[in-house]
């Protein structure tokens, strides 16, 4: 089962997999279609991109996590241009941690390595790109280490339940400056793209757990 929004890459992967003796039972271009196709075809393994319609954020990876929640034994290999750390850790922790992989798309160009990874994941193994490991380990050391002293101060005040205006008054800065600090905090903590209020809550939880 293949999910990739780029038609050229999708067709290229179909041809590559066919030449290597694998049958692609379905190939789709968005996350909703991926979930529906898995329900219909019950594939031996899912290969999916991270960024797909409609938002081109992390829909494919989020769908992979949902599929593993429903079918913990379903092998899933994620291909991405970058490391989406929020859901990457959740995907790698899903099920019992077996039958899962996360590769950067550069690996697709190395056909033998890609096919070997595909077989490894399908057989229940775990394959993770070294760059993914480095970034996840960096995040797990301290999620707040990327924040400046001022940003930590703003986050602490958010955790106390203070509004932007109250924070600005306490720090003797403008509301715009507070808004900029909060934007930087949410970005640096790699929080999922939801509404701002929900992301503030997630930021506070991250602060309290650190």
C-alpha atoms as a PDB file:
ATOM      1  CA  UNK A   1       0.000   0.000   0.000  1.00  0.00           C
ATOM      2  CA  UNK A   2       1.569   3.267  -1.148  1.00  0.00           C
ATOM      3  CA  UNK A   3       0.611   6.827  -0.168  1.00  0.00           C
ATOM      4  CA  UNK A   4       2.429   9.691  -1.934  1.00  0.00           C
ATOM      5  CA  UNK A   5       0.914  12.933  -3.239  1.00  0.00           C
ATOM      6  CA  UNK A   6       3.560  13.485  -5.935  1.00  0.00           C
ATOM      7  CA  UNK A   7       2.306  11.617  -9.003  1.00  0.00           C
ATOM      8  CA  UNK A   8       5.794  11.281 -10.479  1.00  0.00           C
ATOM      9  CA  UNK A   9       7.318   9.863  -7.314  1.00  0.00           C
ATOM     10  CA  UNK A  10       4.303   7.634  -6.717  1.00  0.00           C
ATOM     11  CA  UNK A  11       4.507   6.134 -10.207  1.00  0.00           C
ATOM     12  CA  UNK A  12       8.252   5.793  -9.866  1.00  0.00           C
ATOM     13  CA  UNK A  13       7.890   3.876  -6.601  1.00  0.00           C
ATOM     14  CA  UNK A  14       5.229   1.616  -8.107  1.00  0.00           C
ATOM     15  CA  UNK A  15       7.593   0.720 -10.955  1.00  0.00           C
ATOM     16  CA  UNK A  16      10.549   0.258  -8.613  1.00  0.00           C
ATOM     17  CA  UNK A  17       8.630  -2.011  -6.259  1.00  0.00           C
ATOM     18  CA  UNK A  18       7.234  -4.056  -9.146  1.00  0.00           C
ATOM     19  CA  UNK A  19      10.744  -4.616 -10.522  1.00  0.00           C
ATOM     20  CA  UNK A  20      11.803  -5.852  -7.092  1.00  0.00           C
ATOM     21  CA  UNK A  21       8.970  -8.385  -6.943  1.00  0.00           C
ATOM     22  CA  UNK A  22       6.472  -6.456  -4.815  1.00  0.00           C
ATOM     23  CA  UNK A  23       2.825  -5.846  -5.722  1.00  0.00           C
ATOM     24  CA  UNK A  24       1.336  -2.430  -4.963  1.00  0.00           C
ATOM     25  CA  UNK A  25      -2.302  -3.238  -4.170  1.00  0.00           C
ATOM     26  CA  UNK A  26      -3.275   0.450  -4.045  1.00  0.00           C
ATOM     27  CA  UNK A  27      -1.577   3.826  -4.487  1.00  0.00           C
ATOM     28  CA  UNK A  28      -3.217   6.995  -3.137  1.00  0.00           C
ATOM     29  CA  UNK A  29      -2.403  10.679  -2.797  1.00  0.00           C
ATOM     30  CA  UNK A  30      -3.857  11.775   0.543  1.00  0.00           C
ATOM     31  CA  UNK A  31      -4.154  10.591   4.141  1.00  0.00           C
ATOM     32  CA  UNK A  32      -7.907   9.895   4.135  1.00  0.00           C
ATOM     33  CA  UNK A  33      -7.576   7.714   1.067  1.00  0.00           C
ATOM     34  CA  UNK A  34      -4.683   5.909   2.750  1.00  0.00           C
ATOM     35  CA  UNK A  35      -6.780   4.937   5.763  1.00  0.00           C
ATOM     36  CA  UNK A  36      -9.696   3.842   3.555  1.00  0.00           C
ATOM     37  CA  UNK A  37      -7.421   1.797   1.267  1.00  0.00           C
ATOM     38  CA  UNK A  38      -5.825  -0.022   4.204  1.00  0.00           C
ATOM     39  CA  UNK A  39      -9.278  -0.981   5.458  1.00  0.00           C
ATOM     40  CA  UNK A  40     -10.193  -2.268   1.991  1.00  0.00           C
ATOM     41  CA  UNK A  41      -7.006  -4.086   0.997  1.00  0.00           C
ATOM     42  CA  UNK A  42      -5.395  -5.135   4.324  1.00  0.00           C
ATOM     43  CA  UNK A  43      -1.853  -4.786   2.869  1.00  0.00           C
ATOM     44  CA  UNK A  44       1.274  -6.518   4.136  1.00  0.00           C
ATOM     45  CA  UNK A  45       3.009  -3.152   4.550  1.00  0.00           C
ATOM     46  CA  UNK A  46       2.231   0.560   4.168  1.00  0.00           C
ATOM     47  CA  UNK A  47       4.705   3.011   2.629  1.00  0.00           C
ATOM     48  CA  UNK A  48       3.658   6.619   3.168  1.00  0.00           C
ATOM     49  CA  UNK A  49       4.884  10.172   2.761  1.00  0.00           C
ATOM     50  CA  UNK A  50       4.581  12.637   5.662  1.00  0.00           C
ATOM     51  CA  UNK A  51       3.267  15.786   3.974  1.00  0.00           C
ATOM     52  CA  UNK A  52       0.062  15.237   2.032  1.00  0.00           C
ATOM     53  CA  UNK A  53      -3.186  17.072   1.226  1.00  0.00           C
ATOM     54  CA  UNK A  54      -5.047  18.968   2.411  1.00  0.00           C
ATOM     55  CA  UNK A  55      -2.646  20.806   4.697  1.00  0.00           C
ATOM     56  CA  UNK A  56       0.724  19.465   3.543  1.00  0.00           C
ATOM     57  CA  UNK A  57       1.904  19.351   7.165  1.00  0.00           C
ATOM     58  CA  UNK A  58       2.054  15.917   8.796  1.00  0.00           C
ATOM     59  CA  UNK A  59      -1.131  14.256   7.520  1.00  0.00           C
ATOM     60  CA  UNK A  60       0.600  11.123   6.245  1.00  0.00           C
ATOM     61  CA  UNK A  61       2.541  10.554   9.441  1.00  0.00           C
ATOM     62  CA  UNK A  62      -0.541  11.223  11.568  1.00  0.00           C
ATOM     63  CA  UNK A  63      -2.469   8.696   9.471  1.00  0.00           C
ATOM     64  CA  UNK A  64       0.324   6.161  10.003  1.00  0.00           C
ATOM     65  CA  UNK A  65       0.055   6.619  13.772  1.00  0.00           C
ATOM     66  CA  UNK A  66      -3.731   6.147  13.606  1.00  0.00           C
ATOM     67  CA  UNK A  67      -3.324   2.995  11.516  1.00  0.00           C
ATOM     68  CA  UNK A  68      -0.870   1.553  14.022  1.00  0.00           C
ATOM     69  CA  UNK A  69      -3.309   2.321  16.830  1.00  0.00           C
ATOM     70  CA  UNK A  70      -5.986   0.312  15.030  1.00  0.00           C
ATOM     71  CA  UNK A  71      -3.632  -2.392  13.756  1.00  0.00           C
ATOM     72  CA  UNK A  72      -0.531  -2.549  15.986  1.00  0.00           C
ATOM     73  CA  UNK A  73       0.997  -5.328  13.881  1.00  0.00           C
ATOM     74  CA  UNK A  74       0.658  -3.441  10.566  1.00  0.00           C
ATOM     75  CA  UNK A  75       4.159  -2.732   9.189  1.00  0.00           C
ATOM     76  CA  UNK A  76       4.581   0.948   8.253  1.00  0.00           C
ATOM     77  CA  UNK A  77       7.514   2.584   6.479  1.00  0.00           C
ATOM     78  CA  UNK A  78       7.460   6.393   6.428  1.00  0.00           C
ATOM     79  CA  UNK A  79       9.362   8.364   3.804  1.00  0.00           C
ATOM     80  CA  UNK A  80       9.971  12.059   4.326  1.00  0.00           C
ATOM     81  CA  UNK A  81      11.998  15.045   3.184  1.00  0.00           C
ATOM     82  CA  UNK A  82      12.531  16.004   6.830  1.00  0.00           C
ATOM     83  CA  UNK A  83      12.058  14.772  10.401  1.00  0.00           C
ATOM     84  CA  UNK A  84       8.609  15.547  11.833  1.00  0.00           C
ATOM     85  CA  UNK A  85       9.557  14.945  15.437  1.00  0.00           C
ATOM     86  CA  UNK A  86       6.138  15.291  17.058  1.00  0.00           C
ATOM     87  CA  UNK A  87       4.615  12.213  15.452  1.00  0.00           C
ATOM     88  CA  UNK A  88       7.863  10.420  14.579  1.00  0.00           C
ATOM     89  CA  UNK A  89       8.452   9.467  18.206  1.00  0.00           C
ATOM     90  CA  UNK A  90       4.814   8.404  18.581  1.00  0.00           C
ATOM     91  CA  UNK A  91       5.021   6.229  15.474  1.00  0.00           C
ATOM     92  CA  UNK A  92       8.233   4.549  16.612  1.00  0.00           C
ATOM     93  CA  UNK A  93       6.655   3.873  20.020  1.00  0.00           C
ATOM     94  CA  UNK A  94       3.463   2.402  18.512  1.00  0.00           C
ATOM     95  CA  UNK A  95       2.566  -1.249  18.881  1.00  0.00           C
ATOM     96  CA  UNK A  96       5.550  -3.003  20.417  1.00  0.00           C
ATOM     97  CA  UNK A  97       7.977  -0.948  18.329  1.00  0.00           C
ATOM     98  CA  UNK A  98       8.367  -3.626  15.676  1.00  0.00           C
ATOM     99  CA  UNK A  99       7.472  -3.452  11.976  1.00  0.00           C
ATOM    100  CA  UNK A 100       8.072   0.270  11.667  1.00  0.00           C
ATOM    101  CA  UNK A 101      10.514   2.485   9.782  1.00  0.00           C
ATOM    102  CA  UNK A 102      11.270   6.156   9.154  1.00  0.00           C
ATOM    103  CA  UNK A 103      13.573   6.990   6.243  1.00  0.00           C
ATOM    104  CA  UNK A 104      14.469  10.285   4.618  1.00  0.00           C
ATOM    105  CA  UNK A 105      13.595  10.360   0.920  1.00  0.00           C
ATOM    106  CA  UNK A 106      17.242  10.563  -0.066  1.00  0.00           C
ATOM    107  CA  UNK A 107      17.359   6.843   0.739  1.00  0.00           C
ATOM    108  CA  UNK A 108      14.893   6.063  -2.064  1.00  0.00           C
ATOM    109  CA  UNK A 109      17.635   6.941  -4.520  1.00  0.00           C
ATOM    110  CA  UNK A 110      19.724   4.184  -2.993  1.00  0.00           C
ATOM    111  CA  UNK A 111      17.557   1.384  -4.341  1.00  0.00           C
ATOM    112  CA  UNK A 112      19.197  -1.573  -2.645  1.00  0.00           C
ATOM    113  CA  UNK A 113      19.142   0.155   0.731  1.00  0.00           C
ATOM    114  CA  UNK A 114      15.499   1.164   0.317  1.00  0.00           C
ATOM    115  CA  UNK A 115      14.359  -2.313  -0.735  1.00  0.00           C
ATOM    116  CA  UNK A 116      16.318  -3.880   2.124  1.00  0.00           C
ATOM    117  CA  UNK A 117      14.619  -1.492   4.572  1.00  0.00           C
ATOM    118  CA  UNK A 118      11.221  -2.340   3.106  1.00  0.00           C
ATOM    119  CA  UNK A 119      11.813  -6.059   3.603  1.00  0.00           C
ATOM    120  CA  UNK A 120      13.146  -5.508   7.113  1.00  0.00           C
ATOM    121  CA  UNK A 121      10.048  -3.561   8.178  1.00  0.00           C
ATOM    122  CA  UNK A 122       7.681  -6.029   6.469  1.00  0.00           C
ATOM    123  CA  UNK A 123       9.365  -8.835   8.430  1.00  0.00           C
ATOM    124  CA  UNK A 124       8.735  -7.028  11.711  1.00  0.00           C
ATOM    125  CA  UNK A 125      12.044  -5.196  12.021  1.00  0.00           C
ATOM    126  CA  UNK A 126      12.645  -1.537  12.828  1.00  0.00           C
ATOM    127  CA  UNK A 127      14.563   0.734  10.458  1.00  0.00           C
ATOM    128  CA  UNK A 128      15.275   4.352  11.368  1.00  0.00           C
ATOM    129  CA  UNK A 129      17.360   6.847   9.436  1.00  0.00           C
ATOM    130  CA  UNK A 130      20.398   7.950  11.512  1.00  0.00           C
ATOM    131  CA  UNK A 131      19.357  11.603  11.123  1.00  0.00           C
ATOM    132  CA  UNK A 132      15.949  10.784  12.623  1.00  0.00           C
ATOM    133  CA  UNK A 133      17.653   9.161  15.609  1.00  0.00           C
ATOM    134  CA  UNK A 134      19.906  12.188  16.137  1.00  0.00           C
ATOM    135  CA  UNK A 135      17.015  14.637  16.100  1.00  0.00           C
ATOM    136  CA  UNK A 136      14.811  12.553  18.398  1.00  0.00           C
ATOM    137  CA  UNK A 137      17.631  12.118  20.905  1.00  0.00           C
ATOM    138  CA  UNK A 138      18.337  15.845  20.782  1.00  0.00           C
ATOM    139  CA  UNK A 139      14.709  16.597  21.572  1.00  0.00           C
ATOM    140  CA  UNK A 140      14.460  14.085  24.395  1.00  0.00           C
ATOM    141  CA  UNK A 141      17.407  15.597  26.258  1.00  0.00           C
ATOM    142  CA  UNK A 142      15.466  18.740  27.130  1.00  0.00           C
ATOM    143  CA  UNK A 143      12.574  20.126  25.082  1.00  0.00           C
ATOM    144  CA  UNK A 144      13.192  23.587  26.532  1.00  0.00           C
ATOM    145  CA  UNK A 145      16.900  23.826  25.741  1.00  0.00           C
ATOM    146  CA  UNK A 146      16.198  25.610  22.451  1.00  0.00           C
ATOM    147  CA  UNK A 147      14.405  28.475  24.206  1.00  0.00           C
ATOM    148  CA  UNK A 148      16.142  31.714  25.145  1.00  0.00           C
ATOM    149  CA  UNK A 149      16.077  32.921  28.751  1.00  0.00           C
ATOM    150  CA  UNK A 150      13.341  35.433  27.876  1.00  0.00           C
ATOM    151  CA  UNK A 151      11.265  32.773  26.100  1.00  0.00           C
ATOM    152  CA  UNK A 152      11.509  30.522  29.160  1.00  0.00           C
ATOM    153  CA  UNK A 153      10.361  33.444  31.284  1.00  0.00           C
ATOM    154  CA  UNK A 154       7.356  34.036  29.012  1.00  0.00           C
ATOM    155  CA  UNK A 155       6.502  30.328  29.035  1.00  0.00           C
ATOM    156  CA  UNK A 156       6.633  30.253  32.844  1.00  0.00           C
ATOM    157  CA  UNK A 157       4.146  33.140  32.949  1.00  0.00           C
ATOM    158  CA  UNK A 158       1.888  31.358  30.448  1.00  0.00           C
ATOM    159  CA  UNK A 159       1.983  28.338  32.775  1.00  0.00           C
ATOM    160  CA  UNK A 160       0.727  30.623  35.573  1.00  0.00           C
ATOM    161  CA  UNK A 161      -2.316  31.354  33.416  1.00  0.00           C
ATOM    162  CA  UNK A 162      -1.392  34.926  32.546  1.00  0.00           C
ATOM    163  CA  UNK A 163      -2.742  36.543  29.373  1.00  0.00           C
ATOM    164  CA  UNK A 164      -0.536  38.183  26.765  1.00  0.00           C
ATOM    165  CA  UNK A 165      -1.420  41.591  28.151  1.00  0.00           C
ATOM    166  CA  UNK A 166      -0.570  40.591  31.720  1.00  0.00           C
ATOM    167  CA  UNK A 167       2.748  39.131  30.579  1.00  0.00           C
ATOM    168  CA  UNK A 168       3.574  42.310  28.669  1.00  0.00           C
ATOM    169  CA  UNK A 169       2.806  44.399  31.746  1.00  0.00           C
ATOM    170  CA  UNK A 170       4.904  42.228  34.061  1.00  0.00           C
ATOM    171  CA  UNK A 171       7.914  42.143  31.723  1.00  0.00           C
ATOM    172  CA  UNK A 172       7.474  45.793  30.725  1.00  0.00           C
ATOM    173  CA  UNK A 173       7.388  45.021  27.001  1.00  0.00           C
ATOM    174  CA  UNK A 174       4.820  45.513  24.245  1.00  0.00           C
ATOM    175  CA  UNK A 175       2.001  43.075  23.459  1.00  0.00           C
ATOM    176  CA  UNK A 176       3.602  42.565  20.035  1.00  0.00           C
ATOM    177  CA  UNK A 177       6.877  41.517  21.672  1.00  0.00           C
ATOM    178  CA  UNK A 178       5.030  38.968  23.824  1.00  0.00           C
ATOM    179  CA  UNK A 179       3.227  37.633  20.760  1.00  0.00           C
ATOM    180  CA  UNK A 180       6.563  37.220  18.975  1.00  0.00           C
ATOM    181  CA  UNK A 181       8.067  35.363  21.936  1.00  0.00           C
ATOM    182  CA  UNK A 182       5.070  33.028  22.102  1.00  0.00           C
ATOM    183  CA  UNK A 183       5.300  32.335  18.370  1.00  0.00           C
ATOM    184  CA  UNK A 184       8.974  31.453  18.781  1.00  0.00           C
ATOM    185  CA  UNK A 185       8.194  29.169  21.721  1.00  0.00           C
ATOM    186  CA  UNK A 186       5.523  27.236  19.830  1.00  0.00           C
ATOM    187  CA  UNK A 187       7.810  26.847  16.834  1.00  0.00           C
ATOM    188  CA  UNK A 188      10.863  25.749  18.816  1.00  0.00           C
ATOM    189  CA  UNK A 189       8.874  23.152  20.766  1.00  0.00           C
ATOM    190  CA  UNK A 190       7.721  21.565  17.473  1.00  0.00           C
ATOM    191  CA  UNK A 191       4.114  21.497  18.585  1.00  0.00           C
ATOM    192  CA  UNK A 192       1.509  20.104  16.139  1.00  0.00           C
ATOM    193  CA  UNK A 193      -0.297  22.601  13.900  1.00  0.00           C
ATOM    194  CA  UNK A 194      -3.544  23.102  15.817  1.00  0.00           C
ATOM    195  CA  UNK A 195      -5.298  26.250  17.026  1.00  0.00           C
ATOM    196  CA  UNK A 196      -3.154  28.660  19.062  1.00  0.00           C
ATOM    197  CA  UNK A 197      -5.067  28.122  22.318  1.00  0.00           C
ATOM    198  CA  UNK A 198      -4.498  24.360  22.177  1.00  0.00           C
ATOM    199  CA  UNK A 199      -0.827  24.858  21.326  1.00  0.00           C
ATOM    200  CA  UNK A 200      -0.429  27.129  24.373  1.00  0.00           C
ATOM    201  CA  UNK A 201      -1.769  24.320  26.542  1.00  0.00           C
ATOM    202  CA  UNK A 202       0.667  21.855  24.941  1.00  0.00           C
ATOM    203  CA  UNK A 203       3.510  24.314  25.526  1.00  0.00           C
ATOM    204  CA  UNK A 204       2.589  24.540  29.214  1.00  0.00           C
ATOM    205  CA  UNK A 205       2.497  20.734  29.492  1.00  0.00           C
ATOM    206  CA  UNK A 206       5.953  20.560  27.903  1.00  0.00           C
ATOM    207  CA  UNK A 207       7.203  23.146  30.410  1.00  0.00           C
ATOM    208  CA  UNK A 208       5.756  21.244  33.373  1.00  0.00           C
ATOM    209  CA  UNK A 209       7.235  17.925  32.194  1.00  0.00           C
ATOM    210  CA  UNK A 210      10.727  19.329  31.625  1.00  0.00           C
END
